[in-house]
């Protein structure tokens, strides 16, 4: 597959890669693909399925508006969002791509179709641009998880989004079996092969600089999350806990054997509290599961005391990306498509594989660690309370990070032999997600999202 490492690890903003990052990118892309924007008189967006059902809690409406203004997730300043949206609401005017003014009514120009799902994916959205002469242009896009977006045509005809010829990779793979076979034939590690594939697109120096930047953003996100306090937005009145628990962990004189894992869980929670607040995060592979890989990376860098941490961190991310690529290609990384097993489960597997690689594990041990990570998340639903990426999402990242370390530990203490292959467990995850009822797949129509509200109302 010709999927890039930096397609999985994207710098963006919270709270969701599929419901925030993807729609923002789709809105901007729609305008870039529209002709005669200077003649535009009106633009509307229709949200379908999961995007409509949990769009308010996931800030999908805000993301679409920002995308129409020309903003991109990687460049957007989170602190500027409220001011930009307030100006739009008060003026009733929007400058498309920051340049072409049209009237815009947030209440009537964003349409919510909660009972309708477009055929390509549960996360569908349609844009309609009307010109002064009465002509119009419309297009459907799908946000398939992790910030990936496809037009309806691209989803129906894979490869139609290619610009020019795809470059031939030295180690093409569509399954872990193929990647392992390359390794046995050449004697190369998974990280070596991923690096060689990336070198088709960029130099070693460019690749390392990109990986280092991703890690820098991840580190910064952890640091911010461990300092910030207060209440998260959205109406659930969820208070940030990571900073308070972090201070307590550093002040206590009593040291318990599991304190190291407690700190790892706080790293992950810090990231996902930042995500829930709309802060700067990295999709890893999604926003809802963005805390797991940074937490395990920091554990590796600080607690494992590597002799060459920079290269170990890069190897971690390359091995992790191989797992993410396989999961996206052969199953999904979208909670709206296969539940949270495709987000937290995949992130756990990626982190487990990455840590195993960074600690010198063999290709077989890397595969074993990733398989363990997914296997013990099979069937995990995506049922966010209030449609917000807060409960159970924040704690779930802490648990996923700890599981990833456990999976790596188990694999490193074996010869890599195991009964269930990674390819088998990925296929199982796909089939399980297909069988899962829609109310458990990022619709907030089942599970905790309904039970907790029902119980709380009954108690009043």
Protein backbone atom coordinates (compact mmCIF):
# COMPACT_ATOMS: atom_id res chain seq x y z
CA UNK A 1 0.00 0.00 0.00
CA UNK A 2 1.16 3.53 -0.70
CA UNK A 3 -0.06 5.12 2.52
CA UNK A 4 2.23 7.62 4.16
CA UNK A 5 3.27 7.76 7.79
CA UNK A 6 2.15 11.39 7.84
CA UNK A 7 -1.30 10.44 6.61
CA UNK A 8 -1.81 8.56 9.87
CA UNK A 9 -0.05 11.08 12.11
CA UNK A 10 -1.66 14.44 11.29
CA UNK A 11 -1.36 17.61 13.34
CA UNK A 12 -4.83 18.98 13.99
CA UNK A 13 -7.31 20.10 16.63
CA UNK A 14 -9.85 18.39 18.83
CA UNK A 15 -12.20 16.95 19.61
CA UNK A 16 -12.50 14.45 16.75
CA UNK A 17 -10.53 13.46 13.67
CA UNK A 18 -13.57 12.08 11.86
CA UNK A 19 -16.09 14.68 13.04
CA UNK A 20 -13.88 17.77 13.31
CA UNK A 21 -10.64 17.43 11.31
CA UNK A 22 -12.22 15.58 8.37
CA UNK A 23 -15.22 17.92 7.91
CA UNK A 24 -12.96 20.98 8.14
CA UNK A 25 -10.75 19.57 5.38
CA UNK A 26 -13.79 18.57 3.30
CA UNK A 27 -15.34 22.04 3.52
CA UNK A 28 -12.17 23.75 2.36
CA UNK A 29 -11.61 21.18 -0.38
CA UNK A 30 -15.16 21.66 -1.66
CA UNK A 31 -14.54 25.35 -2.18
CA UNK A 32 -11.18 24.73 -3.82
CA UNK A 33 -12.93 22.39 -6.25
CA UNK A 34 -15.73 24.88 -6.95
CA UNK A 35 -15.60 27.17 -9.97
CA UNK A 36 -16.39 30.89 -9.98
CA UNK A 37 -16.37 31.43 -6.24
CA UNK A 38 -16.56 35.16 -6.86
CA UNK A 39 -20.10 34.54 -8.17
CA UNK A 40 -21.20 32.62 -5.06
CA UNK A 41 -24.34 33.85 -3.31
CA UNK A 42 -25.01 31.00 -0.88
CA UNK A 43 -23.41 27.86 0.52
CA UNK A 44 -25.04 25.12 2.58
CA UNK A 45 -23.83 21.91 4.17
CA UNK A 46 -25.90 18.85 5.02
CA UNK A 47 -24.63 16.43 7.69
CA UNK A 48 -25.75 12.81 7.70
CA UNK A 49 -25.70 9.80 10.03
CA UNK A 50 -23.11 9.87 12.77
CA UNK A 51 -21.96 13.36 11.77
CA UNK A 52 -25.47 14.64 12.44
CA UNK A 53 -26.16 12.55 15.53
CA UNK A 54 -22.99 13.51 17.41
CA UNK A 55 -22.00 16.56 15.41
CA UNK A 56 -22.84 19.13 18.06
CA UNK A 57 -20.78 17.35 20.71
CA UNK A 58 -17.93 16.74 18.27
CA UNK A 59 -17.95 20.36 17.00
CA UNK A 60 -18.70 19.26 13.43
CA UNK A 61 -20.71 22.40 12.72
CA UNK A 62 -17.87 24.62 13.93
CA UNK A 63 -15.33 22.63 11.93
CA UNK A 64 -17.32 23.00 8.72
CA UNK A 65 -17.66 26.74 9.22
CA UNK A 66 -13.93 27.11 9.81
CA UNK A 67 -13.16 25.01 6.73
CA UNK A 68 -15.41 27.21 4.60
CA UNK A 69 -13.49 30.20 5.93
CA UNK A 70 -10.33 28.56 4.59
CA UNK A 71 -8.89 27.30 7.86
CA UNK A 72 -6.94 24.03 8.04
CA UNK A 73 -6.60 21.82 11.13
CA UNK A 74 -2.81 21.98 11.16
CA UNK A 75 -2.68 25.78 10.99
CA UNK A 76 -5.76 26.77 12.96
CA UNK A 77 -5.03 28.60 16.22
CA UNK A 78 -7.42 26.99 18.74
CA UNK A 79 -7.65 30.19 20.79
CA UNK A 80 -9.00 32.08 17.76
CA UNK A 81 -12.00 29.83 17.11
CA UNK A 82 -14.56 31.50 19.40
CA UNK A 83 -13.80 34.95 18.01
CA UNK A 84 -14.09 33.80 14.39
CA UNK A 85 -17.41 32.05 14.98
CA UNK A 86 -18.82 34.95 17.01
CA UNK A 87 -18.01 37.34 14.18
CA UNK A 88 -19.84 35.10 11.71
CA UNK A 89 -22.90 34.83 13.92
CA UNK A 90 -23.13 38.55 14.58
CA UNK A 91 -22.57 39.64 10.98
CA UNK A 92 -24.42 36.91 9.14
CA UNK A 93 -21.66 36.98 6.55
CA UNK A 94 -18.86 34.58 5.70
CA UNK A 95 -15.80 35.13 3.56
CA UNK A 96 -15.36 31.87 1.65
CA UNK A 97 -11.69 30.87 1.81
CA UNK A 98 -11.23 34.20 3.57
CA UNK A 99 -11.91 36.10 0.35
CA UNK A 100 -15.38 35.74 -1.19
CA UNK A 101 -18.25 37.16 0.93
CA UNK A 102 -21.65 35.46 1.09
CA UNK A 103 -24.57 35.63 3.48
CA UNK A 104 -24.61 32.73 5.91
CA UNK A 105 -27.15 31.77 8.57
CA UNK A 106 -25.77 29.12 10.90
CA UNK A 107 -29.27 28.04 11.92
CA UNK A 108 -30.57 27.43 8.40
CA UNK A 109 -27.49 26.78 6.26
CA UNK A 110 -26.27 23.78 8.26
CA UNK A 111 -28.73 20.93 7.80
CA UNK A 112 -28.86 17.94 10.15
CA UNK A 113 -30.13 14.61 8.78
CA UNK A 114 -29.97 12.39 11.85
CA UNK A 115 -32.14 9.62 10.45
CA UNK A 116 -30.44 9.35 7.07
CA UNK A 117 -27.12 7.71 6.21
CA UNK A 118 -25.43 8.21 2.87
CA UNK A 119 -24.42 4.97 1.11
CA UNK A 120 -20.64 5.29 1.28
CA UNK A 121 -19.99 5.63 5.02
CA UNK A 122 -21.77 6.62 8.26
CA UNK A 123 -19.89 9.95 8.21
CA UNK A 124 -21.28 11.68 5.14
CA UNK A 125 -21.68 15.36 4.31
CA UNK A 126 -22.92 17.22 1.25
CA UNK A 127 -22.03 20.77 0.23
CA UNK A 128 -24.18 22.93 -2.05
CA UNK A 129 -22.93 26.19 -3.54
CA UNK A 130 -25.38 28.49 -5.31
CA UNK A 131 -24.20 31.22 -7.68
CA UNK A 132 -25.74 34.60 -8.50
CA UNK A 133 -27.08 33.30 -11.83
CA UNK A 134 -29.01 30.50 -10.10
CA UNK A 135 -26.63 27.72 -11.09
CA UNK A 136 -25.28 25.45 -8.39
CA UNK A 137 -22.52 23.00 -7.62
CA UNK A 138 -22.78 20.23 -5.06
CA UNK A 139 -20.58 17.40 -3.90
CA UNK A 140 -20.61 14.62 -1.31
CA UNK A 141 -17.64 13.74 0.87
CA UNK A 142 -17.05 11.09 3.50
CA UNK A 143 -14.91 11.44 6.60
CA UNK A 144 -13.68 7.89 7.17
CA UNK A 145 -11.70 8.30 10.39
CA UNK A 146 -8.33 9.72 11.31
CA UNK A 147 -8.91 12.86 9.26
CA UNK A 148 -9.08 10.93 5.97
CA UNK A 149 -11.66 12.33 3.54
CA UNK A 150 -12.86 11.01 0.21
CA UNK A 151 -15.35 12.29 -2.32
CA UNK A 152 -18.21 9.98 -3.19
CA UNK A 153 -16.49 9.28 -6.52
CA UNK A 154 -13.21 8.39 -4.85
CA UNK A 155 -14.90 6.04 -2.41
CA UNK A 156 -16.82 4.32 -5.20
CA UNK A 157 -13.73 4.11 -7.43
CA UNK A 158 -10.62 3.58 -5.31
CA UNK A 159 -7.65 5.23 -6.92
CA UNK A 160 -9.65 8.01 -8.58
CA UNK A 161 -8.05 10.49 -6.18
CA UNK A 162 -4.58 9.76 -7.46
CA UNK A 163 -2.74 12.66 -9.05
CA UNK A 164 -0.21 11.18 -11.41
CA UNK A 165 1.18 7.69 -11.11
CA UNK A 166 1.64 6.00 -7.76
CA UNK A 167 5.28 5.44 -6.98
CA UNK A 168 6.51 1.88 -6.73
CA UNK A 169 7.48 0.95 -3.20
CA UNK A 170 10.43 -1.35 -2.50
CA UNK A 171 8.41 -3.26 0.11
CA UNK A 172 4.72 -3.15 -0.82
CA UNK A 173 2.40 -4.88 1.64
CA UNK A 174 -1.31 -5.29 2.15
CA UNK A 175 -1.09 -7.76 5.02
CA UNK A 176 1.25 -8.39 7.92
CA UNK A 177 2.04 -11.78 6.34
CA UNK A 178 3.45 -9.96 3.31
CA UNK A 179 5.48 -7.60 5.48
CA UNK A 180 6.90 -10.48 7.51
CA UNK A 181 7.75 -12.32 4.29
CA UNK A 182 9.72 -9.29 3.07
CA UNK A 183 11.59 -9.32 6.37
CA UNK A 184 12.48 -12.99 6.15
CA UNK A 185 13.64 -12.59 2.56
CA UNK A 186 15.78 -9.52 3.15
CA UNK A 187 16.68 -9.69 6.84
CA UNK A 188 15.32 -6.18 7.31
CA UNK A 189 13.27 -4.99 10.26
CA UNK A 190 9.76 -3.60 9.88
CA UNK A 191 11.10 -0.13 10.67
CA UNK A 192 13.79 -0.47 8.00
CA UNK A 193 11.19 -1.43 5.42
CA UNK A 194 8.83 1.38 6.38
CA UNK A 195 11.72 3.83 6.17
CA UNK A 196 12.64 2.54 2.71
CA UNK A 197 9.04 2.96 1.56
CA UNK A 198 8.97 6.52 2.91
CA UNK A 199 12.26 7.27 1.14
CA UNK A 200 10.41 6.92 -2.15
CA UNK A 201 8.66 10.15 -1.19
CA UNK A 202 11.27 11.95 0.89
CA UNK A 203 14.84 11.80 2.13
CA UNK A 204 15.91 10.34 5.47
CA UNK A 205 16.48 13.86 6.75
CA UNK A 206 12.99 14.98 5.74
CA UNK A 207 11.43 11.88 7.23
CA UNK A 208 13.26 12.29 10.53
CA UNK A 209 12.37 15.98 10.68
CA UNK A 210 8.71 15.12 10.14
CA UNK A 211 8.71 12.42 12.79
CA UNK A 212 10.51 14.71 15.22
CA UNK A 213 7.91 17.42 14.64
CA UNK A 214 5.06 14.99 15.32
CA UNK A 215 6.72 13.92 18.57
CA UNK A 216 7.29 17.55 19.53
CA UNK A 217 3.58 18.32 19.14
CA UNK A 218 2.67 15.20 21.10
CA UNK A 219 5.03 16.16 23.93
CA UNK A 220 3.65 19.66 24.01
CA UNK A 221 0.12 18.34 24.21
CA UNK A 222 1.00 16.14 27.20
CA UNK A 223 2.70 19.07 28.94
CA UNK A 224 -0.29 21.38 28.43
CA UNK A 225 -2.70 18.74 29.62
CA UNK A 226 -0.69 18.17 32.80
CA UNK A 227 -0.93 21.88 33.64
CA UNK A 228 -4.49 22.83 32.68
CA UNK A 229 -7.43 22.72 35.06
CA UNK A 230 -11.09 23.68 34.89
CA UNK A 231 -14.19 22.31 33.24
CA UNK A 232 -14.34 20.84 29.77
CA UNK A 233 -16.83 22.39 27.32
CA UNK A 234 -20.04 20.72 26.24
CA UNK A 235 -22.41 20.72 29.18
CA UNK A 236 -21.47 17.50 30.97
CA UNK A 237 -19.54 19.52 33.59
CA UNK A 238 -16.59 17.15 33.35
CA UNK A 239 -13.60 18.56 35.18
CA UNK A 240 -10.04 18.03 34.03
CA UNK A 241 -8.26 15.59 36.33
CA UNK A 242 -4.87 14.91 34.80
CA UNK A 243 -3.13 18.01 36.20
CA UNK A 244 -4.45 17.53 39.73
CA UNK A 245 -3.53 13.85 39.76
CA UNK A 246 -0.12 14.67 38.28
CA UNK A 247 0.62 17.15 41.05
CA UNK A 248 -0.46 14.63 43.65
CA UNK A 249 1.75 11.95 42.09
CA UNK A 250 4.77 14.26 42.27
CA UNK A 251 4.10 15.42 45.82
CA UNK A 252 3.60 12.08 47.53
CA UNK A 253 6.52 10.43 49.26
CA UNK A 254 4.94 6.99 49.08
CA UNK A 255 6.03 5.06 46.01
CA UNK A 256 3.96 2.10 44.89
CA UNK A 257 5.05 -0.51 42.32
CA UNK A 258 2.37 0.56 39.87
CA UNK A 259 3.09 4.31 40.05
CA UNK A 260 4.89 4.18 36.71
CA UNK A 261 1.78 2.91 34.97
CA UNK A 262 -0.31 5.49 36.81
CA UNK A 263 1.84 8.21 35.27
CA UNK A 264 1.42 6.67 31.82
CA UNK A 265 -2.35 6.77 32.19
CA UNK A 266 -2.12 10.44 33.20
CA UNK A 267 -0.08 11.25 30.10
CA UNK A 268 -2.82 9.74 27.96
CA UNK A 269 -5.63 11.44 29.87
CA UNK A 270 -3.82 14.79 29.62
CA UNK A 271 -3.79 14.51 25.83
CA UNK A 272 -7.44 13.57 25.60
CA UNK A 273 -8.50 16.33 27.94
CA UNK A 274 -6.71 18.72 25.61
CA UNK A 275 -8.51 17.07 22.70
CA UNK A 276 -11.88 17.41 24.41
CA UNK A 277 -11.15 21.12 24.91
CA UNK A 278 -10.45 21.59 21.19
CA UNK A 279 -6.69 21.90 21.65
CA UNK A 280 -3.78 20.98 19.39
CA UNK A 281 -3.36 17.21 19.06
CA UNK A 282 -2.01 14.61 16.63
CA UNK A 283 -4.30 11.99 15.12
CA UNK A 284 -2.78 8.73 16.34
CA UNK A 285 -4.53 7.29 14.41
CA UNK A 286 -7.62 9.28 15.50
CA UNK A 287 -8.33 12.12 17.90
CA UNK A 288 -10.53 9.99 20.13
CA UNK A 289 -7.55 7.69 20.69
CA UNK A 290 -4.88 10.40 20.43
CA UNK A 291 -3.48 9.93 23.94
CA UNK A 292 -2.27 6.35 23.77
CA UNK A 293 0.76 6.62 21.49
CA UNK A 294 2.11 9.85 23.04
CA UNK A 295 1.77 8.33 26.52
CA UNK A 296 3.67 5.18 25.60
CA UNK A 297 6.27 7.20 23.70
CA UNK A 298 6.95 9.34 26.78
CA UNK A 299 7.11 6.17 28.88
CA UNK A 300 9.73 4.82 26.47
CA UNK A 301 11.76 8.04 26.39
CA UNK A 302 11.78 8.64 30.14
CA UNK A 303 11.25 5.33 31.92
CA UNK A 304 12.94 2.85 29.61
CA UNK A 305 16.11 4.98 29.59
CA UNK A 306 17.12 4.22 25.98
CA UNK A 307 20.71 4.88 24.92
CA UNK A 308 19.56 6.46 21.62
CA UNK A 309 16.10 7.89 22.35
CA UNK A 310 15.76 9.94 19.17
CA UNK A 311 16.20 6.96 16.86
CA UNK A 312 14.11 4.77 19.14
CA UNK A 313 11.24 7.24 18.98
CA UNK A 314 11.44 7.33 15.19
CA UNK A 315 11.49 3.51 15.02
CA UNK A 316 8.51 3.45 17.38
CA UNK A 317 6.50 5.68 15.07
CA UNK A 318 7.46 3.80 11.90
CA UNK A 319 6.48 0.43 13.36
CA UNK A 320 3.28 1.90 14.77
CA UNK A 321 2.38 3.36 11.38
CA UNK A 322 2.70 -0.06 9.72
CA UNK A 323 0.03 -1.41 12.07
CA UNK A 324 -2.22 1.61 11.52
CA UNK A 325 -1.94 1.23 7.75
CA UNK A 326 -2.97 -2.42 7.91
CA UNK A 327 -5.92 -1.69 10.18
CA UNK A 328 -7.18 1.14 8.00
CA UNK A 329 -6.80 -0.86 4.79
CA UNK A 330 -8.25 -4.15 6.00
CA UNK A 331 -10.77 -2.98 8.60
CA UNK A 332 -11.30 0.62 9.72
CA UNK A 333 -10.10 3.25 12.17
CA UNK A 334 -13.54 4.88 12.32
CA UNK A 335 -15.63 4.58 15.47
CA UNK A 336 -18.70 5.34 13.38
CA UNK A 337 -17.94 2.31 11.20
CA UNK A 338 -16.70 -0.39 13.60
CA UNK A 339 -16.89 1.07 17.11
CA UNK A 340 -14.10 2.11 19.45
CA UNK A 341 -12.19 -1.12 18.82
CA UNK A 342 -11.13 0.64 15.61
CA UNK A 343 -9.88 3.69 17.51
CA UNK A 344 -8.61 2.79 20.97
CA UNK A 345 -8.00 -0.83 19.94
CA UNK A 346 -5.94 0.17 16.90
CA UNK A 347 -4.05 2.87 18.83
CA UNK A 348 -3.21 0.31 21.52
CA UNK A 349 -1.92 -2.10 18.88
CA UNK A 350 0.13 0.64 17.21
CA UNK A 351 1.66 1.70 20.54
CA UNK A 352 2.41 -1.91 21.51
CA UNK A 353 4.14 -2.55 18.19
CA UNK A 354 6.01 0.74 18.40
CA UNK A 355 7.30 0.11 21.91
CA UNK A 356 8.36 -3.42 20.96
CA UNK A 357 10.28 -2.09 17.96
CA UNK A 358 11.91 0.71 19.96
CA UNK A 359 13.08 -1.84 22.53
CA UNK A 360 14.70 -4.00 19.86
CA UNK A 361 11.98 -6.58 19.30
CA UNK A 362 11.95 -8.84 16.26
CA UNK A 363 9.43 -8.52 13.46
CA UNK A 364 7.55 -11.49 14.89
CA UNK A 365 7.48 -9.92 18.35
CA UNK A 366 6.20 -6.65 16.87
CA UNK A 367 3.38 -8.53 15.15
CA UNK A 368 2.58 -10.41 18.36
CA UNK A 369 2.40 -7.20 20.41
CA UNK A 370 0.05 -5.55 17.91
CA UNK A 371 -2.19 -8.63 17.81
CA UNK A 372 -2.48 -8.67 21.61
CA UNK A 373 -3.34 -4.98 21.60
CA UNK A 374 -6.28 -5.41 19.24
CA UNK A 375 -7.46 -8.78 20.54
CA UNK A 376 -8.26 -7.40 23.96
CA UNK A 377 -10.30 -4.53 22.58
CA UNK A 378 -12.48 -6.60 20.24
CA UNK A 379 -16.12 -5.58 20.46
CA UNK A 380 -15.45 -2.24 22.18
CA UNK A 381 -18.32 0.09 21.40
CA UNK A 382 -18.23 3.80 20.68
CA UNK A 383 -20.96 5.26 22.91
CA UNK A 384 -19.87 8.76 24.00
CA UNK A 385 -22.18 10.37 26.53
CA UNK A 386 -23.78 13.50 25.13
CA UNK A 387 -21.94 12.98 21.85
CA UNK A 388 -18.85 14.44 23.54
CA UNK A 389 -15.36 12.95 23.34
CA UNK A 390 -15.12 12.84 27.14
CA UNK A 391 -16.85 9.89 28.81
CA UNK A 392 -15.67 7.16 28.43
CA UNK A 393 -13.08 8.37 25.92
CA UNK A 394 -10.59 10.13 28.20
CA UNK A 395 -10.14 7.29 30.70
CA UNK A 396 -10.26 4.77 27.88
CA UNK A 397 -7.04 6.24 26.51
CA UNK A 398 -5.32 5.78 29.86
CA UNK A 399 -6.38 2.14 29.96
CA UNK A 400 -5.31 1.61 26.35
CA UNK A 401 -1.82 2.96 27.05
CA UNK A 402 -1.34 0.58 29.96
CA UNK A 403 -2.59 -2.33 27.85
CA UNK A 404 -0.10 -1.42 25.13
CA UNK A 405 2.81 -1.64 27.56
CA UNK A 406 1.51 -4.98 28.82
CA UNK A 407 1.22 -6.29 25.26
CA UNK A 408 4.78 -5.21 24.45
CA UNK A 409 6.07 -6.81 27.65
CA UNK A 410 4.37 -10.11 26.86
CA UNK A 411 5.68 -10.18 23.30
CA UNK A 412 9.26 -9.22 24.22
CA UNK A 413 9.39 -12.12 26.67
CA UNK A 414 8.38 -14.62 24.00
CA UNK A 415 9.88 -15.72 20.71
CA UNK A 416 7.01 -14.10 18.82
CA UNK A 417 5.14 -17.36 18.27
CA UNK A 418 1.39 -17.05 18.86
CA UNK A 419 -1.83 -18.74 17.79
CA UNK A 420 -3.75 -15.78 16.33
CA UNK A 421 -2.10 -13.75 13.60
CA UNK A 422 -2.43 -9.98 13.36
CA UNK A 423 -4.12 -10.39 9.98
CA UNK A 424 -6.69 -12.72 11.56
CA UNK A 425 -7.46 -10.36 14.43
CA UNK A 426 -7.79 -7.38 12.08
CA UNK A 427 -10.29 -9.35 10.00
CA UNK A 428 -12.09 -10.31 13.21
CA UNK A 429 -12.26 -6.64 14.20
CA UNK A 430 -13.73 -5.78 10.80
CA UNK A 431 -16.35 -8.54 11.01
CA UNK A 432 -17.21 -7.66 14.60
CA UNK A 433 -17.71 -4.03 13.63
CA UNK A 434 -19.92 -5.07 10.72
CA UNK A 435 -22.09 -7.12 13.11
CA UNK A 436 -22.26 -4.34 15.73
CA UNK A 437 -25.55 -2.45 15.91
CA UNK A 438 -25.44 1.14 14.68
CA UNK A 439 -26.46 2.48 18.09
CA UNK A 440 -23.06 1.40 19.43
CA UNK A 441 -21.07 3.11 16.65
CA UNK A 442 -20.62 6.80 17.48
CA UNK A 443 -24.30 7.68 17.34
CA UNK A 444 -24.86 8.14 21.10
CA UNK A 445 -28.05 6.11 20.71
CA UNK A 446 -26.98 3.17 22.89
CA UNK A 447 -24.69 1.97 25.65
CA UNK A 448 -23.40 4.47 28.18
CA UNK A 449 -24.69 7.36 26.11
CA UNK A 450 -28.29 6.29 26.78
CA UNK A 451 -28.07 4.31 30.02
CA UNK A 452 -26.35 7.01 32.07
CA UNK A 453 -28.76 9.72 30.90
CA UNK A 454 -31.74 7.46 31.62
CA UNK A 455 -30.51 6.60 35.11
CA UNK A 456 -29.70 10.22 35.95
CA UNK A 457 -33.12 11.43 34.82
CA UNK A 458 -34.85 8.69 36.80
CA UNK A 459 -33.01 9.79 39.94
CA UNK A 460 -34.21 13.40 39.60
